[in-house]
Amino acid sequence: MPLNWSAYPNFSEVELACKHSGKCNMRPEFMELLQQIRTIYNKPLIISSGYRHATHPIEAAKTQAG
């Protein structure tokens, strides 16, 4: 089931999507916690790395290495 991104007003699917595949399969539990942190902190959080699809080169290398 797709996330209801309106429940996370400080984050967007685009900013958290895999830079390689464009897919974004974030877990609702994680997004709820992330939004709570952002709300309490009351300052922007810079997302340096969001979701990584299995085809992302870094993830693909992990599965090959074991």
PDB file of N, CA and C in Angstrom:
ATOM      1  N   MET A   1       0.848  -1.177   0.000  1.00  0.00           N
ATOM      2  CA  MET A   1       0.000   0.000   0.000  1.00  0.00           C
ATOM      3  C   MET A   1       0.898   1.247   0.000  1.00  0.00           C
ATOM      4  N   PRO A   2       0.641   2.176  -0.890  1.00  0.00           N
ATOM      5  CA  PRO A   2       1.459   3.405  -0.945  1.00  0.00           C
ATOM      6  C   PRO A   2       1.277   4.264   0.308  1.00  0.00           C
ATOM      7  N   LEU A   3       2.332   4.972   0.649  1.00  0.00           N
ATOM      8  CA  LEU A   3       2.271   5.872   1.804  1.00  0.00           C
ATOM      9  C   LEU A   3       1.374   7.058   1.519  1.00  0.00           C
ATOM     10  N   ASN A   4       0.750   7.559   2.551  1.00  0.00           N
ATOM     11  CA  ASN A   4      -0.002   8.804   2.474  1.00  0.00           C
ATOM     12  C   ASN A   4       0.985   9.923   2.808  1.00  0.00           C
ATOM     13  N   TRP A   5       1.613  10.469   1.787  1.00  0.00           N
ATOM     14  CA  TRP A   5       2.680  11.447   2.002  1.00  0.00           C
ATOM     15  C   TRP A   5       2.178  12.726   2.670  1.00  0.00           C
ATOM     16  N   SER A   6       0.890  12.975   2.654  1.00  0.00           N
ATOM     17  CA  SER A   6       0.380  14.170   3.341  1.00  0.00           C
ATOM     18  C   SER A   6       0.512  14.027   4.859  1.00  0.00           C
ATOM     19  N   ALA A   7       0.710  12.813   5.348  1.00  0.00           N
ATOM     20  CA  ALA A   7       0.919  12.583   6.781  1.00  0.00           C
ATOM     21  C   ALA A   7       2.326  12.988   7.219  1.00  0.00           C
ATOM     22  N   TYR A   8       3.195  13.264   6.240  1.00  0.00           N
ATOM     23  CA  TYR A   8       4.584  13.632   6.520  1.00  0.00           C
ATOM     24  C   TYR A   8       4.868  14.964   5.837  1.00  0.00           C
ATOM     25  N   PRO A   9       4.341  16.051   6.369  1.00  0.00           N
ATOM     26  CA  PRO A   9       4.406  17.335   5.671  1.00  0.00           C
ATOM     27  C   PRO A   9       5.806  17.901   5.467  1.00  0.00           C
ATOM     28  N   ASN A  10       6.779  17.410   6.195  1.00  0.00           N
ATOM     29  CA  ASN A  10       8.133  17.933   6.063  1.00  0.00           C
ATOM     30  C   ASN A  10       9.018  17.104   5.143  1.00  0.00           C
ATOM     31  N   PHE A  11       8.443  16.088   4.523  1.00  0.00           N
ATOM     32  CA  PHE A  11       9.219  15.201   3.661  1.00  0.00           C
ATOM     33  C   PHE A  11       8.434  14.895   2.395  1.00  0.00           C
ATOM     34  N   SER A  12       9.161  14.580   1.340  1.00  0.00           N
ATOM     35  CA  SER A  12       8.488  14.234   0.089  1.00  0.00           C
ATOM     36  C   SER A  12       9.022  12.912  -0.443  1.00  0.00           C
ATOM     37  N   GLU A  13       8.194  12.261  -1.206  1.00  0.00           N
ATOM     38  CA  GLU A  13       8.582  11.002  -1.824  1.00  0.00           C
ATOM     39  C   GLU A  13       9.791  11.204  -2.735  1.00  0.00           C
ATOM     40  N   VAL A  14       9.831  12.320  -3.427  1.00  0.00           N
ATOM     41  CA  VAL A  14      10.934  12.608  -4.352  1.00  0.00           C
ATOM     42  C   VAL A  14      12.266  12.708  -3.615  1.00  0.00           C
ATOM     43  N   GLU A  15      12.298  13.391  -2.472  1.00  0.00           N
ATOM     44  CA  GLU A  15      13.577  13.561  -1.769  1.00  0.00           C
ATOM     45  C   GLU A  15      14.076  12.271  -1.132  1.00  0.00           C
ATOM     46  N   LEU A  16      13.185  11.335  -0.852  1.00  0.00           N
ATOM     47  CA  LEU A  16      13.581  10.082  -0.222  1.00  0.00           C
ATOM     48  C   LEU A  16      13.727   8.932  -1.216  1.00  0.00           C
ATOM     49  N   ALA A  17      13.363   9.140  -2.464  1.00  0.00           N
ATOM     50  CA  ALA A  17      13.409   8.082  -3.473  1.00  0.00           C
ATOM     51  C   ALA A  17      14.844   7.697  -3.814  1.00  0.00           C
ATOM     52  N   CYS A  18      15.008   6.467  -4.263  1.00  0.00           N
ATOM     53  CA  CYS A  18      16.302   5.956  -4.704  1.00  0.00           C
ATOM     54  C   CYS A  18      16.784   6.785  -5.893  1.00  0.00           C
ATOM     55  N   LYS A  19      18.000   7.265  -5.813  1.00  0.00           N
ATOM     56  CA  LYS A  19      18.566   8.088  -6.892  1.00  0.00           C
ATOM     57  C   LYS A  19      18.852   7.251  -8.139  1.00  0.00           C
ATOM     58  N   HIS A  20      18.929   5.943  -7.973  1.00  0.00           N
ATOM     59  CA  HIS A  20      19.230   5.046  -9.092  1.00  0.00           C
ATOM     60  C   HIS A  20      17.950   4.608  -9.825  1.00  0.00           C
ATOM     61  N   SER A  21      16.958   4.147  -9.070  1.00  0.00           N
ATOM     62  CA  SER A  21      15.746   3.586  -9.682  1.00  0.00           C
ATOM     63  C   SER A  21      14.548   4.526  -9.656  1.00  0.00           C
ATOM     64  N   GLY A  22      14.576   5.513  -8.765  1.00  0.00           N
ATOM     65  CA  GLY A  22      13.425   6.404  -8.606  1.00  0.00           C
ATOM     66  C   GLY A  22      12.330   5.831  -7.730  1.00  0.00           C
ATOM     67  N   LYS A  23      12.492   4.601  -7.257  1.00  0.00           N
ATOM     68  CA  LYS A  23      11.482   3.969  -6.403  1.00  0.00           C
ATOM     69  C   LYS A  23      11.641   4.443  -4.965  1.00  0.00           C
ATOM     70  N   CYS A  24      10.526   4.423  -4.245  1.00  0.00           N
ATOM     71  CA  CYS A  24      10.549   4.846  -2.846  1.00  0.00           C
ATOM     72  C   CYS A  24       9.651   3.915  -2.048  1.00  0.00           C
ATOM     73  N   ASN A  25      10.252   3.034  -1.301  1.00  0.00           N
ATOM     74  CA  ASN A  25       9.507   2.046  -0.528  1.00  0.00           C
ATOM     75  C   ASN A  25       9.798   2.230   0.956  1.00  0.00           C
ATOM     76  N   MET A  26       9.532   3.431   1.456  1.00  0.00           N
ATOM     77  CA  MET A  26       9.792   3.727   2.860  1.00  0.00           C
ATOM     78  C   MET A  26       8.739   3.054   3.732  1.00  0.00           C
ATOM     79  N   ARG A  27       9.155   2.588   4.893  1.00  0.00           N
ATOM     80  CA  ARG A  27       8.234   1.947   5.835  1.00  0.00           C
ATOM     81  C   ARG A  27       7.443   3.016   6.588  1.00  0.00           C
ATOM     82  N   PRO A  28       6.145   2.814   6.734  1.00  0.00           N
ATOM     83  CA  PRO A  28       5.318   3.802   7.454  1.00  0.00           C
ATOM     84  C   PRO A  28       5.811   4.048   8.878  1.00  0.00           C
ATOM     85  N   GLU A  29       6.268   3.002   9.568  1.00  0.00           N
ATOM     86  CA  GLU A  29       6.731   3.154  10.948  1.00  0.00           C
ATOM     87  C   GLU A  29       7.935   4.097  11.010  1.00  0.00           C
ATOM     88  N   PHE A  30       8.832   3.949  10.041  1.00  0.00           N
ATOM     89  CA  PHE A  30      10.010   4.813   9.997  1.00  0.00           C
ATOM     90  C   PHE A  30       9.600   6.248   9.691  1.00  0.00           C
ATOM     91  N   MET A  31       8.709   6.422   8.730  1.00  0.00           N
ATOM     92  CA  MET A  31       8.292   7.774   8.349  1.00  0.00           C
ATOM     93  C   MET A  31       7.564   8.472   9.487  1.00  0.00           C
ATOM     94  N   GLU A  32       6.764   7.724  10.233  1.00  0.00           N
ATOM     95  CA  GLU A  32       6.081   8.317  11.385  1.00  0.00           C
ATOM     96  C   GLU A  32       7.090   8.795  12.416  1.00  0.00           C
ATOM     97  N   LEU A  33       8.090   7.989  12.687  1.00  0.00           N
ATOM     98  CA  LEU A  33       9.141   8.366  13.645  1.00  0.00           C
ATOM     99  C   LEU A  33       9.945   9.561  13.131  1.00  0.00           C
ATOM    100  N   LEU A  34      10.310   9.538  11.859  1.00  0.00           N
ATOM    101  CA  LEU A  34      11.052  10.642  11.271  1.00  0.00           C
ATOM    102  C   LEU A  34      10.257  11.948  11.361  1.00  0.00           C
ATOM    103  N   GLN A  35       8.964  11.888  11.087  1.00  0.00           N
ATOM    104  CA  GLN A  35       8.136  13.091  11.176  1.00  0.00           C
ATOM    105  C   GLN A  35       8.022  13.572  12.618  1.00  0.00           C
ATOM    106  N   GLN A  36       7.920  12.653  13.561  1.00  0.00           N
ATOM    107  CA  GLN A  36       7.866  13.041  14.977  1.00  0.00           C
ATOM    108  C   GLN A  36       9.153  13.745  15.391  1.00  0.00           C
ATOM    109  N   ILE A  37      10.286  13.203  14.974  1.00  0.00           N
ATOM    110  CA  ILE A  37      11.578  13.827  15.283  1.00  0.00           C
ATOM    111  C   ILE A  37      11.625  15.231  14.704  1.00  0.00           C
ATOM    112  N   ARG A  38      11.220  15.363  13.454  1.00  0.00           N
ATOM    113  CA  ARG A  38      11.237  16.669  12.781  1.00  0.00           C
ATOM    114  C   ARG A  38      10.325  17.660  13.489  1.00  0.00           C
ATOM    115  N   THR A  39       9.154  17.210  13.903  1.00  0.00           N
ATOM    116  CA  THR A  39       8.200  18.081  14.590  1.00  0.00           C
ATOM    117  C   THR A  39       8.764  18.561  15.922  1.00  0.00           C
ATOM    118  N   ILE A  40       9.351  17.671  16.688  1.00  0.00           N
ATOM    119  CA  ILE A  40       9.929  18.034  17.992  1.00  0.00           C
ATOM    120  C   ILE A  40      11.149  18.927  17.817  1.00  0.00           C
ATOM    121  N   TYR A  41      12.005  18.596  16.871  1.00  0.00           N
ATOM    122  CA  TYR A  41      13.228  19.368  16.614  1.00  0.00           C
ATOM    123  C   TYR A  41      12.897  20.769  16.089  1.00  0.00           C
ATOM    124  N   ASN A  42      11.848  20.864  15.327  1.00  0.00           N
ATOM    125  CA  ASN A  42      11.330  22.126  14.794  1.00  0.00           C
ATOM    126  C   ASN A  42      12.335  22.871  13.894  1.00  0.00           C
ATOM    127  N   LYS A  43      13.203  22.101  13.257  1.00  0.00           N
ATOM    128  CA  LYS A  43      14.148  22.653  12.288  1.00  0.00           C
ATOM    129  C   LYS A  43      14.253  21.661  11.137  1.00  0.00           C
ATOM    130  N   PRO A  44      14.641  22.121   9.959  1.00  0.00           N
ATOM    131  CA  PRO A  44      14.766  21.190   8.828  1.00  0.00           C
ATOM    132  C   PRO A  44      15.798  20.092   9.087  1.00  0.00           C
ATOM    133  N   LEU A  45      15.514  18.919   8.562  1.00  0.00           N
ATOM    134  CA  LEU A  45      16.457  17.807   8.590  1.00  0.00           C
ATOM    135  C   LEU A  45      16.926  17.583   7.154  1.00  0.00           C
ATOM    136  N   ILE A  46      18.220  17.523   6.956  1.00  0.00           N
ATOM    137  CA  ILE A  46      18.758  17.310   5.623  1.00  0.00           C
ATOM    138  C   ILE A  46      18.872  15.807   5.378  1.00  0.00           C
ATOM    139  N   ILE A  47      18.206  15.352   4.341  1.00  0.00           N
ATOM    140  CA  ILE A  47      18.245  13.939   3.984  1.00  0.00           C
ATOM    141  C   ILE A  47      19.395  13.726   3.014  1.00  0.00           C
ATOM    142  N   SER A  48      20.419  13.016   3.457  1.00  0.00           N
ATOM    143  CA  SER A  48      21.569  12.765   2.577  1.00  0.00           C
ATOM    144  C   SER A  48      21.418  11.441   1.840  1.00  0.00           C
ATOM    145  N   SER A  49      20.631  10.535   2.389  1.00  0.00           N
ATOM    146  CA  SER A  49      20.404   9.251   1.745  1.00  0.00           C
ATOM    147  C   SER A  49      19.071   8.710   2.223  1.00  0.00           C
ATOM    148  N   GLY A  50      18.199   8.407   1.281  1.00  0.00           N
ATOM    149  CA  GLY A  50      16.893   7.860   1.630  1.00  0.00           C
ATOM    150  C   GLY A  50      16.820   6.384   1.281  1.00  0.00           C
ATOM    151  N   TYR A  51      15.797   6.025   0.542  1.00  0.00           N
ATOM    152  CA  TYR A  51      15.587   4.641   0.146  1.00  0.00           C
ATOM    153  C   TYR A  51      16.592   4.225  -0.928  1.00  0.00           C
ATOM    154  N   ARG A  52      17.094   3.008  -0.830  1.00  0.00           N
ATOM    155  CA  ARG A  52      17.945   2.435  -1.882  1.00  0.00           C
ATOM    156  C   ARG A  52      17.308   1.142  -2.368  1.00  0.00           C
ATOM    157  N   HIS A  53      16.951   1.125  -3.625  1.00  0.00           N
ATOM    158  CA  HIS A  53      16.380  -0.063  -4.246  1.00  0.00           C
ATOM    159  C   HIS A  53      17.461  -1.136  -4.359  1.00  0.00           C
ATOM    160  N   ALA A  54      17.062  -2.396  -4.436  1.00  0.00           N
ATOM    161  CA  ALA A  54      18.013  -3.509  -4.538  1.00  0.00           C
ATOM    162  C   ALA A  54      18.920  -3.395  -5.758  1.00  0.00           C
ATOM    163  N   THR A  55      18.481  -2.677  -6.796  1.00  0.00           N
ATOM    164  CA  THR A  55      19.301  -2.523  -7.996  1.00  0.00           C
ATOM    165  C   THR A  55      20.300  -1.372  -7.882  1.00  0.00           C
ATOM    166  N   HIS A  56      20.228  -0.596  -6.815  1.00  0.00           N
ATOM    167  CA  HIS A  56      21.192   0.501  -6.612  1.00  0.00           C
ATOM    168  C   HIS A  56      22.578  -0.136  -6.503  1.00  0.00           C
ATOM    169  N   PRO A  57      23.585   0.431  -7.147  1.00  0.00           N
ATOM    170  CA  PRO A  57      24.922  -0.184  -7.132  1.00  0.00           C
ATOM    171  C   PRO A  57      25.459  -0.516  -5.740  1.00  0.00           C
ATOM    172  N   ILE A  58      25.232   0.315  -4.773  1.00  0.00           N
ATOM    173  CA  ILE A  58      25.719   0.038  -3.417  1.00  0.00           C
ATOM    174  C   ILE A  58      25.003  -1.173  -2.823  1.00  0.00           C
ATOM    175  N   GLU A  59      23.682  -1.251  -3.002  1.00  0.00           N
ATOM    176  CA  GLU A  59      22.923  -2.398  -2.480  1.00  0.00           C
ATOM    177  C   GLU A  59      23.266  -3.665  -3.242  1.00  0.00           C
ATOM    178  N   ALA A  60      23.428  -3.564  -4.541  1.00  0.00           N
ATOM    179  CA  ALA A  60      23.788  -4.732  -5.358  1.00  0.00           C
ATOM    180  C   ALA A  60      25.140  -5.297  -4.938  1.00  0.00           C
ATOM    181  N   ALA A  61      26.075  -4.437  -4.611  1.00  0.00           N
ATOM    182  CA  ALA A  61      27.405  -4.881  -4.164  1.00  0.00           C
ATOM    183  C   ALA A  61      27.310  -5.606  -2.824  1.00  0.00           C
ATOM    184  N   LYS A  62      26.413  -5.162  -1.959  1.00  0.00           N
ATOM    185  CA  LYS A  62      26.244  -5.806  -0.651  1.00  0.00           C
ATOM    186  C   LYS A  62      25.754  -7.239  -0.814  1.00  0.00           C
ATOM    187  N   THR A  63      24.794  -7.468  -1.700  1.00  0.00           N
ATOM    188  CA  THR A  63      24.257  -8.812  -1.849  1.00  0.00           C
ATOM    189  C   THR A  63      25.270  -9.741  -2.499  1.00  0.00           C
ATOM    190  N   GLN A  64      26.128  -9.223  -3.350  1.00  0.00           N
ATOM    191  CA  GLN A  64      27.170 -10.037  -3.972  1.00  0.00           C
ATOM    192  C   GLN A  64      28.258 -10.410  -2.962  1.00  0.00           C
ATOM    193  N   ALA A  65      28.547  -9.472  -2.054  1.00  0.00           N
ATOM    194  CA  ALA A  65      29.622  -9.691  -1.083  1.00  0.00           C
ATOM    195  C   ALA A  65      29.200 -10.655   0.034  1.00  0.00           C
ATOM    196  N   GLY A  66      27.897 -10.828   0.171  1.00  0.00           N
ATOM    197  CA  GLY A  66      27.524 -11.817   1.137  1.00  0.00           C
ATOM    198  C   GLY A  66      26.639 -11.396   2.211  1.00  0.00           C
TER     199      GLY A  66
END
